[in-house]
Amino acid sequence: MRRSWTARSRTLTHTDPADVSLQTALEALADPVRRMILLDLSAHDEWERACGTFDLPVTKATRSHHFAVLRAAGLIEQRDAGPRRLNRIRTAEFNTAFPGLLDAILGVQRPEWPSAVQ
């Protein structure tokens, strides 16, 4: 598949889950907003959800931060499609690095939203 890279998409850094420490993975999974993003992504087909379509109780800047943390932990991959940034959860790759961890997180009930928007 040939990719068309834009200046915006060239700024994306995707970390291989094999290069992520357990501490980094756990810190990424500890935040309830990031868990909601992962739960939402797990319920949709790959590359179906754009960043702006998530109903999150945070500002746009904080939303961007959460997606960056998930990318840095090897949990998601993103690509640009026109003005939209699409996402996919990296289930197979993450499960190779951390067997069972993602399944345990996605198997729990949906977490409560934080009381304050960050």
Protein backbone atom coordinates (compact mmCIF):
# COMPACT_ATOMS: atom_id res chain seq x y z
CA MET A 1 0.00 0.00 0.00
CA ARG A 2 1.39 3.38 -0.96
CA ARG A 3 1.04 6.10 1.63
CA SER A 4 0.66 9.77 0.96
CA TRP A 5 2.53 11.59 3.72
CA THR A 6 1.70 15.13 4.67
CA ALA A 7 3.78 17.48 6.80
CA ARG A 8 1.29 16.86 9.61
CA SER A 9 1.55 13.07 9.42
CA ARG A 10 5.34 13.16 9.33
CA THR A 11 5.25 14.53 12.87
CA LEU A 12 3.63 11.33 14.18
CA THR A 13 5.94 9.01 16.07
CA HIS A 14 4.80 5.43 16.59
CA THR A 15 6.61 3.41 19.20
CA ASP A 16 6.92 -0.33 18.73
CA PRO A 17 5.31 -1.99 21.76
CA ALA A 18 8.39 -4.21 22.05
CA ASP A 19 10.38 -1.05 22.89
CA VAL A 20 7.98 0.03 25.65
CA SER A 21 8.68 -0.66 29.32
CA LEU A 22 6.01 -2.23 31.49
CA GLN A 23 6.00 0.97 33.57
CA THR A 24 5.21 3.10 30.49
CA ALA A 25 2.46 0.71 29.40
CA LEU A 26 0.86 0.71 32.85
CA GLU A 27 1.04 4.49 33.14
CA ALA A 28 -0.68 4.86 29.76
CA LEU A 29 -3.40 2.42 30.78
CA ALA A 30 -3.90 3.98 34.22
CA ASP A 31 -5.75 7.06 32.99
CA PRO A 32 -9.55 6.65 32.68
CA VAL A 33 -9.77 8.89 29.59
CA ARG A 34 -7.16 6.82 27.79
CA ARG A 35 -8.95 3.62 28.77
CA MET A 36 -12.17 5.06 27.31
CA ILE A 37 -10.35 5.79 24.05
CA LEU A 38 -9.08 2.20 23.93
CA LEU A 39 -12.50 0.75 24.79
CA ASP A 40 -14.09 2.85 22.06
CA LEU A 41 -11.46 1.83 19.51
CA SER A 42 -11.85 -1.84 20.42
CA ALA A 43 -15.57 -1.61 19.60
CA HIS A 44 -14.95 -0.29 16.05
CA ASP A 45 -13.18 -1.42 12.91
CA GLU A 46 -9.59 -0.33 12.38
CA TRP A 47 -9.14 3.17 10.96
CA GLU A 48 -12.83 3.96 11.51
CA ARG A 49 -12.54 6.47 14.37
CA ALA A 50 -11.10 9.94 13.93
CA CYS A 51 -9.70 11.79 16.95
CA GLY A 52 -12.39 14.47 16.81
CA THR A 53 -15.23 11.94 16.96
CA PHE A 54 -14.57 10.73 20.52
CA ASP A 55 -16.90 12.13 23.15
CA LEU A 56 -14.35 12.95 25.85
CA PRO A 57 -14.72 15.26 28.86
CA VAL A 58 -11.44 17.05 28.14
CA THR A 59 -10.23 19.99 26.10
CA LYS A 60 -8.85 19.56 22.58
CA ALA A 61 -5.28 20.04 23.83
CA THR A 62 -5.73 17.43 26.56
CA ARG A 63 -7.29 15.05 24.04
CA SER A 64 -4.20 15.43 21.82
CA HIS A 65 -1.99 14.70 24.82
CA HIS A 66 -3.90 11.48 25.58
CA PHE A 67 -3.54 10.26 22.00
CA ALA A 68 0.20 11.06 22.08
CA VAL A 69 0.63 9.05 25.31
CA LEU A 70 -1.19 6.08 23.77
CA ARG A 71 1.03 6.31 20.64
CA ALA A 72 4.20 6.54 22.76
CA ALA A 73 3.14 3.44 24.71
CA GLY A 74 2.63 1.48 21.50
CA LEU A 75 -1.10 1.12 22.10
CA ILE A 76 -2.44 2.94 19.05
CA GLU A 77 -1.38 3.82 15.55
CA GLN A 78 -2.63 6.91 13.77
CA ARG A 79 -2.74 8.03 10.15
CA ASP A 80 -4.04 11.11 8.43
CA ALA A 81 -6.85 10.91 5.91
CA GLY A 82 -7.43 14.41 4.63
CA PRO A 83 -8.27 16.63 7.60
CA ARG A 84 -9.04 13.65 9.84
CA ARG A 85 -6.59 11.67 11.98
CA LEU A 86 -7.74 8.06 12.08
CA ASN A 87 -6.83 5.57 14.77
CA ARG A 88 -6.41 1.87 15.29
CA ILE A 89 -5.64 -0.06 18.43
CA ARG A 90 -2.47 -2.16 18.06
CA THR A 91 -3.89 -5.26 19.69
CA ALA A 92 -1.68 -7.94 18.13
CA GLU A 93 1.56 -5.99 18.52
CA PHE A 94 0.80 -4.95 22.10
CA ASN A 95 -0.28 -8.47 23.07
CA THR A 96 3.04 -9.82 21.81
CA ALA A 97 4.92 -7.44 24.11
CA PHE A 98 2.50 -7.66 27.06
CA PRO A 99 0.42 -10.87 26.79
CA GLY A 100 -3.00 -10.53 28.41
CA LEU A 101 -2.58 -6.96 29.67
CA LEU A 102 -4.74 -5.27 27.04
CA ASP A 103 -7.37 -8.00 27.25
CA ALA A 104 -7.54 -7.50 31.02
CA ILE A 105 -8.02 -3.74 30.62
CA LEU A 106 -10.61 -4.03 27.85
CA GLY A 107 -12.48 -6.75 29.70
CA VAL A 108 -13.34 -4.53 32.66
CA GLN A 109 -16.42 -2.36 32.90
CA ARG A 110 -16.27 1.10 31.42
CA PRO A 111 -14.55 3.40 33.92
CA GLU A 112 -16.29 6.40 35.44
CA TRP A 113 -15.39 9.75 33.95
CA PRO A 114 -13.21 12.02 36.04
CA SER A 115 -15.31 14.63 37.79
CA ALA A 116 -13.37 17.58 36.35
CA VAL A 117 -12.34 18.32 32.81
CA GLN A 118 -8.57 18.51 32.64
